[in-house]
Amino acid sequence: MTDALAVFVKEPRPGAVKTRLAAAIGPERAAALYRALAEAEIAATAPRADDYERLFFFAPAGAEAALRAWLGPSTLIPQGEGTLGARMAVAFAEAFARGARRVALIGTDVPWLGRGTVLESLRQLDAHDVVLGPAEDGGYYLIALSRPLPALFEEIAWSTPTVLVDTLARAAALGLRVHRLASMPDVDTLDDVRRHWHRLGRILPAPLRAALGPIVEDG
């Protein structure tokens, strides 16, 4: 393996994904939206030829059969336990242990993230230690490393608007060279759905688009 793309993915089960959205649109619709967003991003980041090998790190641990039915013949690896940072550190360690030279990691909340951005992040690792794709909510939609760096994921206030700032500060403290990609919005709240409806409407299945349309227009 030369390069790897690690994808953090959850079983699209109602009540277990997009909990902030579920409070506004219901758990069934939130799960359907999560699944549609994930499928769009998975399709857009699919490698061509020998671009990179894709590894799906899934949660919860007992969901392998459901993920296999959903994603088909893919490399599935449990995320494990602990904070998001701990799980990302383990995922990077696993990808490098499998022989990757450079590794990028993404989630499944940014359906406009594509293969080109993944390739750019990997190329930038030739001159940098860390590549970050800033998300508009203060986190990041992509992180790429040239080697395992577990210390980078320590002392971060996960799931807060300071994740990116904290990570940049941590990288500076460790003396790491960082490259920042263009920022992108992710989709976590009803406001996000409303703000990006003109783009989301083109990628959602027709029944889900019809179900969400009146909710979006009410805003």
C-alpha atoms as a PDB file:
ATOM      1  CA  MET A   1       0.000   0.000   0.000  1.00  0.00           C
ATOM      2  CA  THR A   2       1.338   3.443  -0.929  1.00  0.00           C
ATOM      3  CA  ASP A   3      -1.331   5.798   0.414  1.00  0.00           C
ATOM      4  CA  ALA A   4      -4.533   5.288   2.379  1.00  0.00           C
ATOM      5  CA  LEU A   5      -7.785   7.107   2.922  1.00  0.00           C
ATOM      6  CA  ALA A   6      -9.375   6.288   6.279  1.00  0.00           C
ATOM      7  CA  VAL A   7     -13.111   6.973   6.447  1.00  0.00           C
ATOM      8  CA  PHE A   8     -14.942   7.209   9.769  1.00  0.00           C
ATOM      9  CA  VAL A   9     -18.467   5.904   9.232  1.00  0.00           C
ATOM     10  CA  LYS A  10     -21.376   4.965  11.480  1.00  0.00           C
ATOM     11  CA  GLU A  11     -24.206   2.534  11.004  1.00  0.00           C
ATOM     12  CA  PRO A  12     -27.080   4.757   9.779  1.00  0.00           C
ATOM     13  CA  ARG A  13     -29.403   3.690  12.564  1.00  0.00           C
ATOM     14  CA  PRO A  14     -32.212   6.033  13.740  1.00  0.00           C
ATOM     15  CA  GLY A  15     -31.363   7.595  17.077  1.00  0.00           C
ATOM     16  CA  ALA A  16     -27.631   6.870  16.750  1.00  0.00           C
ATOM     17  CA  VAL A  17     -26.589   9.391  14.074  1.00  0.00           C
ATOM     18  CA  LYS A  18     -27.145  13.113  13.492  1.00  0.00           C
ATOM     19  CA  THR A  19     -28.656  13.575  16.946  1.00  0.00           C
ATOM     20  CA  ARG A  20     -28.800  17.373  16.674  1.00  0.00           C
ATOM     21  CA  LEU A  21     -30.688  17.062  13.411  1.00  0.00           C
ATOM     22  CA  ALA A  22     -32.898  14.326  14.829  1.00  0.00           C
ATOM     23  CA  ALA A  23     -34.234  16.746  17.428  1.00  0.00           C
ATOM     24  CA  ALA A  24     -35.506  18.953  14.583  1.00  0.00           C
ATOM     25  CA  ILE A  25     -36.515  16.508  11.837  1.00  0.00           C
ATOM     26  CA  GLY A  26     -36.954  13.196  13.671  1.00  0.00           C
ATOM     27  CA  PRO A  27     -34.572  10.247  14.041  1.00  0.00           C
ATOM     28  CA  GLU A  28     -35.769   8.384  10.930  1.00  0.00           C
ATOM     29  CA  ARG A  29     -35.241  11.355   8.620  1.00  0.00           C
ATOM     30  CA  ALA A  30     -31.937  12.205  10.323  1.00  0.00           C
ATOM     31  CA  ALA A  31     -30.666   8.661   9.748  1.00  0.00           C
ATOM     32  CA  ALA A  32     -31.806   8.763   6.122  1.00  0.00           C
ATOM     33  CA  LEU A  33     -30.026  12.083   5.660  1.00  0.00           C
ATOM     34  CA  TYR A  34     -26.853  10.735   7.272  1.00  0.00           C
ATOM     35  CA  ARG A  35     -26.923   7.768   4.917  1.00  0.00           C
ATOM     36  CA  ALA A  36     -27.430   9.991   1.857  1.00  0.00           C
ATOM     37  CA  LEU A  37     -24.605  12.346   2.878  1.00  0.00           C
ATOM     38  CA  ALA A  38     -22.273   9.425   3.544  1.00  0.00           C
ATOM     39  CA  GLU A  39     -23.085   7.750   0.234  1.00  0.00           C
ATOM     40  CA  ALA A  40     -22.455  10.991  -1.673  1.00  0.00           C
ATOM     41  CA  GLU A  41     -19.081  11.505   0.012  1.00  0.00           C
ATOM     42  CA  ILE A  42     -18.072   7.864  -0.355  1.00  0.00           C
ATOM     43  CA  ALA A  43     -18.873   8.027  -4.076  1.00  0.00           C
ATOM     44  CA  ALA A  44     -17.041  11.336  -4.539  1.00  0.00           C
ATOM     45  CA  THR A  45     -13.874  10.103  -2.783  1.00  0.00           C
ATOM     46  CA  ALA A  46     -13.731   6.709  -4.509  1.00  0.00           C
ATOM     47  CA  PRO A  47     -10.154   6.110  -5.686  1.00  0.00           C
ATOM     48  CA  ARG A  48      -9.236   5.532  -9.299  1.00  0.00           C
ATOM     49  CA  ALA A  49      -6.545   3.070 -10.317  1.00  0.00           C
ATOM     50  CA  ASP A  50      -3.821   3.228  -7.660  1.00  0.00           C
ATOM     51  CA  ASP A  51      -4.749   6.577  -6.052  1.00  0.00           C
ATOM     52  CA  TYR A  52      -5.003   5.165  -2.529  1.00  0.00           C
ATOM     53  CA  GLU A  53      -6.515   2.280  -0.604  1.00  0.00           C
ATOM     54  CA  ARG A  54      -9.688   3.109   1.303  1.00  0.00           C
ATOM     55  CA  LEU A  55     -10.215   1.805   4.837  1.00  0.00           C
ATOM     56  CA  PHE A  56     -13.592   2.178   6.567  1.00  0.00           C
ATOM     57  CA  PHE A  57     -13.351   2.558  10.340  1.00  0.00           C
ATOM     58  CA  PHE A  58     -16.856   1.896  11.613  1.00  0.00           C
ATOM     59  CA  ALA A  59     -18.951   2.340  14.740  1.00  0.00           C
ATOM     60  CA  PRO A  60     -20.508   0.869  16.758  1.00  0.00           C
ATOM     61  CA  ALA A  61     -18.329  -2.201  17.155  1.00  0.00           C
ATOM     62  CA  GLY A  62     -21.168  -4.673  16.580  1.00  0.00           C
ATOM     63  CA  ALA A  63     -22.291  -3.120  13.295  1.00  0.00           C
ATOM     64  CA  GLU A  64     -19.975  -4.954  10.905  1.00  0.00           C
ATOM     65  CA  ALA A  65     -22.736  -7.048   9.325  1.00  0.00           C
ATOM     66  CA  ALA A  66     -24.913  -3.976   8.760  1.00  0.00           C
ATOM     67  CA  LEU A  67     -21.978  -2.029   7.337  1.00  0.00           C
ATOM     68  CA  ARG A  68     -21.043  -4.958   5.090  1.00  0.00           C
ATOM     69  CA  ALA A  69     -24.591  -5.068   3.722  1.00  0.00           C
ATOM     70  CA  TRP A  70     -24.498  -1.318   3.125  1.00  0.00           C
ATOM     71  CA  LEU A  71     -20.970  -0.779   1.801  1.00  0.00           C
ATOM     72  CA  GLY A  72     -20.371  -4.102   0.080  1.00  0.00           C
ATOM     73  CA  PRO A  73     -16.839  -5.470  -0.441  1.00  0.00           C
ATOM     74  CA  SER A  74     -14.834  -2.935   1.556  1.00  0.00           C
ATOM     75  CA  THR A  75     -12.113  -3.055   4.188  1.00  0.00           C
ATOM     76  CA  LEU A  76     -13.992  -2.633   7.488  1.00  0.00           C
ATOM     77  CA  ILE A  77     -12.192  -1.992  10.777  1.00  0.00           C
ATOM     78  CA  PRO A  78     -13.836  -1.209  14.156  1.00  0.00           C
ATOM     79  CA  GLN A  79     -13.064   2.284  15.452  1.00  0.00           C
ATOM     80  CA  GLY A  80     -12.565   1.097  19.001  1.00  0.00           C
ATOM     81  CA  GLU A  81     -13.292   3.033  22.185  1.00  0.00           C
ATOM     82  CA  GLY A  82     -12.349   6.382  23.646  1.00  0.00           C
ATOM     83  CA  THR A  83     -12.542  10.000  22.546  1.00  0.00           C
ATOM     84  CA  LEU A  84     -12.658  10.974  18.906  1.00  0.00           C
ATOM     85  CA  GLY A  85      -8.989  11.901  19.143  1.00  0.00           C
ATOM     86  CA  ALA A  86      -8.043   8.529  20.605  1.00  0.00           C
ATOM     87  CA  ARG A  87      -9.962   6.723  17.872  1.00  0.00           C
ATOM     88  CA  MET A  88      -8.338   8.813  15.141  1.00  0.00           C
ATOM     89  CA  ALA A  89      -4.876   8.166  16.567  1.00  0.00           C
ATOM     90  CA  VAL A  90      -5.589   4.416  16.521  1.00  0.00           C
ATOM     91  CA  ALA A  91      -6.909   4.608  12.947  1.00  0.00           C
ATOM     92  CA  PHE A  92      -3.750   6.339  11.755  1.00  0.00           C
ATOM     93  CA  ALA A  93      -1.599   3.788  13.569  1.00  0.00           C
ATOM     94  CA  GLU A  94      -3.530   0.954  11.926  1.00  0.00           C
ATOM     95  CA  ALA A  95      -3.269   2.455   8.428  1.00  0.00           C
ATOM     96  CA  PHE A  96       0.475   3.001   8.764  1.00  0.00           C
ATOM     97  CA  ALA A  97       0.895  -0.509  10.206  1.00  0.00           C
ATOM     98  CA  ARG A  98      -0.762  -1.841   7.044  1.00  0.00           C
ATOM     99  CA  GLY A  99       2.010  -0.268   4.996  1.00  0.00           C
ATOM    100  CA  ALA A 100       0.676   3.160   4.055  1.00  0.00           C
ATOM    101  CA  ARG A 101       3.237   5.866   3.316  1.00  0.00           C
ATOM    102  CA  ARG A 102       0.765   8.747   3.674  1.00  0.00           C
ATOM    103  CA  VAL A 103      -2.693   8.681   5.260  1.00  0.00           C
ATOM    104  CA  ALA A 104      -5.698  11.009   5.046  1.00  0.00           C
ATOM    105  CA  LEU A 105      -8.716  10.633   7.335  1.00  0.00           C
ATOM    106  CA  ILE A 106     -12.223  11.983   6.736  1.00  0.00           C
ATOM    107  CA  GLY A 107     -15.704  11.684   8.217  1.00  0.00           C
ATOM    108  CA  THR A 108     -18.999  11.505   6.340  1.00  0.00           C
ATOM    109  CA  ASP A 109     -20.539  14.969   6.852  1.00  0.00           C
ATOM    110  CA  VAL A 110     -19.156  16.793   3.798  1.00  0.00           C
ATOM    111  CA  PRO A 111     -20.778  15.457   0.616  1.00  0.00           C
ATOM    112  CA  TRP A 112     -18.922  17.989  -1.560  1.00  0.00           C
ATOM    113  CA  LEU A 113     -15.545  16.608  -0.508  1.00  0.00           C
ATOM    114  CA  GLY A 114     -14.077  14.750  -3.461  1.00  0.00           C
ATOM    115  CA  ARG A 115     -11.189  12.661  -4.645  1.00  0.00           C
ATOM    116  CA  GLY A 116      -9.238  15.711  -5.852  1.00  0.00           C
ATOM    117  CA  THR A 117      -9.074  17.200  -2.362  1.00  0.00           C
ATOM    118  CA  VAL A 118      -7.934  13.881  -0.902  1.00  0.00           C
ATOM    119  CA  LEU A 119      -5.162  13.628  -3.484  1.00  0.00           C
ATOM    120  CA  GLU A 120      -4.103  17.220  -2.812  1.00  0.00           C
ATOM    121  CA  SER A 121      -3.865  16.524   0.921  1.00  0.00           C
ATOM    122  CA  LEU A 122      -1.650  13.504   0.283  1.00  0.00           C
ATOM    123  CA  ARG A 123       0.607  15.453  -2.102  1.00  0.00           C
ATOM    124  CA  GLN A 124       1.060  18.205   0.467  1.00  0.00           C
ATOM    125  CA  LEU A 125       2.491  15.652   2.889  1.00  0.00           C
ATOM    126  CA  ASP A 126       5.643  15.563   0.796  1.00  0.00           C
ATOM    127  CA  ALA A 127       6.482  18.977   2.251  1.00  0.00           C
ATOM    128  CA  HIS A 128       4.431  19.024   5.466  1.00  0.00           C
ATOM    129  CA  ASP A 129       3.842  16.823   8.498  1.00  0.00           C
ATOM    130  CA  VAL A 130       0.126  17.563   8.824  1.00  0.00           C
ATOM    131  CA  VAL A 131      -2.585  18.664   6.403  1.00  0.00           C
ATOM    132  CA  LEU A 132      -5.891  20.016   7.728  1.00  0.00           C
ATOM    133  CA  GLY A 133      -9.116  20.762   5.891  1.00  0.00           C
ATOM    134  CA  PRO A 134     -10.890  23.388   8.018  1.00  0.00           C
ATOM    135  CA  ALA A 135     -14.641  23.026   8.480  1.00  0.00           C
ATOM    136  CA  GLU A 136     -16.748  26.150   8.821  1.00  0.00           C
ATOM    137  CA  ASP A 137     -17.968  25.075  12.285  1.00  0.00           C
ATOM    138  CA  GLY A 138     -14.481  25.321  13.801  1.00  0.00           C
ATOM    139  CA  GLY A 139     -13.442  21.709  13.346  1.00  0.00           C
ATOM    140  CA  TYR A 140     -11.890  20.008  10.345  1.00  0.00           C
ATOM    141  CA  TYR A 141     -13.284  17.741   7.644  1.00  0.00           C
ATOM    142  CA  LEU A 142      -9.938  16.125   6.782  1.00  0.00           C
ATOM    143  CA  ILE A 143      -6.633  15.475   8.473  1.00  0.00           C
ATOM    144  CA  ALA A 144      -3.656  13.869   6.754  1.00  0.00           C
ATOM    145  CA  LEU A 145      -0.381  12.718   8.293  1.00  0.00           C
ATOM    146  CA  SER A 146       2.974  11.575   6.950  1.00  0.00           C
ATOM    147  CA  ARG A 147       3.564   9.362  10.028  1.00  0.00           C
ATOM    148  CA  PRO A 148       1.770   8.371  13.238  1.00  0.00           C
ATOM    149  CA  LEU A 149       1.490  11.379  15.565  1.00  0.00           C
ATOM    150  CA  PRO A 150      -0.595  10.308  18.584  1.00  0.00           C
ATOM    151  CA  ALA A 151       0.479  13.376  20.587  1.00  0.00           C
ATOM    152  CA  LEU A 152      -1.298  15.609  18.051  1.00  0.00           C
ATOM    153  CA  PHE A 153      -4.653  14.305  19.277  1.00  0.00           C
ATOM    154  CA  GLU A 154      -4.032  15.051  22.940  1.00  0.00           C
ATOM    155  CA  GLU A 155      -5.284  18.112  24.859  1.00  0.00           C
ATOM    156  CA  ILE A 156      -8.037  18.867  22.299  1.00  0.00           C
ATOM    157  CA  ALA A 157     -11.564  19.899  23.308  1.00  0.00           C
ATOM    158  CA  TRP A 158     -13.390  17.559  20.937  1.00  0.00           C
ATOM    159  CA  SER A 159     -16.842  18.418  19.576  1.00  0.00           C
ATOM    160  CA  THR A 160     -16.368  22.129  20.247  1.00  0.00           C
ATOM    161  CA  PRO A 161     -15.822  25.120  17.932  1.00  0.00           C
ATOM    162  CA  THR A 162     -12.153  25.265  18.982  1.00  0.00           C
ATOM    163  CA  VAL A 163     -11.042  21.896  17.592  1.00  0.00           C
ATOM    164  CA  LEU A 164      -9.158  23.412  14.648  1.00  0.00           C
ATOM    165  CA  VAL A 165      -7.554  26.151  16.739  1.00  0.00           C
ATOM    166  CA  ASP A 166      -6.597  23.638  19.434  1.00  0.00           C
ATOM    167  CA  THR A 167      -5.114  21.288  16.838  1.00  0.00           C
ATOM    168  CA  LEU A 168      -3.077  24.057  15.199  1.00  0.00           C
ATOM    169  CA  ALA A 169      -1.755  25.075  18.610  1.00  0.00           C
ATOM    170  CA  ARG A 170      -0.902  21.482  19.415  1.00  0.00           C
ATOM    171  CA  ALA A 171       0.903  21.083  16.079  1.00  0.00           C
ATOM    172  CA  ALA A 172       2.893  24.258  16.718  1.00  0.00           C
ATOM    173  CA  ALA A 173       3.882  23.018  20.173  1.00  0.00           C
ATOM    174  CA  LEU A 174       5.124  19.780  18.592  1.00  0.00           C
ATOM    175  CA  GLY A 175       7.088  21.649  15.926  1.00  0.00           C
ATOM    176  CA  LEU A 176       5.058  20.223  13.046  1.00  0.00           C
ATOM    177  CA  ARG A 177       4.754  21.752   9.581  1.00  0.00           C
ATOM    178  CA  VAL A 178       1.057  22.285   8.757  1.00  0.00           C
ATOM    179  CA  HIS A 179      -0.687  22.929   5.463  1.00  0.00           C
ATOM    180  CA  ARG A 180      -4.301  24.151   5.416  1.00  0.00           C
ATOM    181  CA  LEU A 181      -6.683  23.263   2.622  1.00  0.00           C
ATOM    182  CA  ALA A 182      -9.641  25.391   1.572  1.00  0.00           C
ATOM    183  CA  SER A 183     -12.439  25.438   4.143  1.00  0.00           C
ATOM    184  CA  MET A 184     -15.696  23.575   3.516  1.00  0.00           C
ATOM    185  CA  PRO A 185     -19.045  23.439   5.316  1.00  0.00           C
ATOM    186  CA  ASP A 186     -20.285  20.254   6.924  1.00  0.00           C
ATOM    187  CA  VAL A 187     -23.892  19.292   7.620  1.00  0.00           C
ATOM    188  CA  ASP A 188     -24.754  18.797  11.294  1.00  0.00           C
ATOM    189  CA  THR A 189     -27.770  20.969  12.056  1.00  0.00           C
ATOM    190  CA  LEU A 190     -31.059  22.045  10.506  1.00  0.00           C
ATOM    191  CA  ASP A 191     -29.533  25.462   9.864  1.00  0.00           C
ATOM    192  CA  ASP A 192     -26.791  23.721   7.865  1.00  0.00           C
ATOM    193  CA  VAL A 193     -29.414  21.880   5.823  1.00  0.00           C
ATOM    194  CA  ARG A 194     -31.290  25.103   5.120  1.00  0.00           C
ATOM    195  CA  ARG A 195     -28.137  27.020   4.234  1.00  0.00           C
ATOM    196  CA  HIS A 196     -26.981  24.399   1.748  1.00  0.00           C
ATOM    197  CA  TRP A 197     -30.325  23.126   0.530  1.00  0.00           C
ATOM    198  CA  HIS A 198     -29.633  24.279  -3.040  1.00  0.00           C
ATOM    199  CA  ARG A 199     -26.704  21.845  -3.118  1.00  0.00           C
ATOM    200  CA  LEU A 200     -28.150  19.109  -0.937  1.00  0.00           C
ATOM    201  CA  GLY A 201     -31.344  18.926  -2.943  1.00  0.00           C
ATOM    202  CA  ARG A 202     -29.382  17.660  -5.931  1.00  0.00           C
ATOM    203  CA  ILE A 203     -27.871  14.697  -4.105  1.00  0.00           C
ATOM    204  CA  LEU A 204     -30.705  13.503  -1.856  1.00  0.00           C
ATOM    205  CA  PRO A 205     -33.059  10.688  -2.884  1.00  0.00           C
ATOM    206  CA  ALA A 206     -36.382  12.068  -4.123  1.00  0.00           C
ATOM    207  CA  PRO A 207     -38.489  10.768  -1.161  1.00  0.00           C
ATOM    208  CA  LEU A 208     -36.116  12.314   1.379  1.00  0.00           C
ATOM    209  CA  ARG A 209     -35.950  15.562  -0.578  1.00  0.00           C
ATOM    210  CA  ALA A 210     -39.747  15.696  -0.604  1.00  0.00           C
ATOM    211  CA  ALA A 211     -39.950  14.960   3.131  1.00  0.00           C
ATOM    212  CA  LEU A 212     -37.390  17.615   4.076  1.00  0.00           C
ATOM    213  CA  GLY A 213     -38.546  20.298   1.642  1.00  0.00           C
ATOM    214  CA  PRO A 214     -41.442  21.656   3.761  1.00  0.00           C
ATOM    215  CA  ILE A 215     -39.271  21.656   6.913  1.00  0.00           C
ATOM    216  CA  VAL A 216     -36.524  23.586   5.136  1.00  0.00           C
ATOM    217  CA  GLU A 217     -38.988  26.062   3.631  1.00  0.00           C
ATOM    218  CA  ASP A 218     -40.545  26.718   7.056  1.00  0.00           C
ATOM    219  CA  GLY A 219     -37.239  28.269   8.052  1.00  0.00           C
END
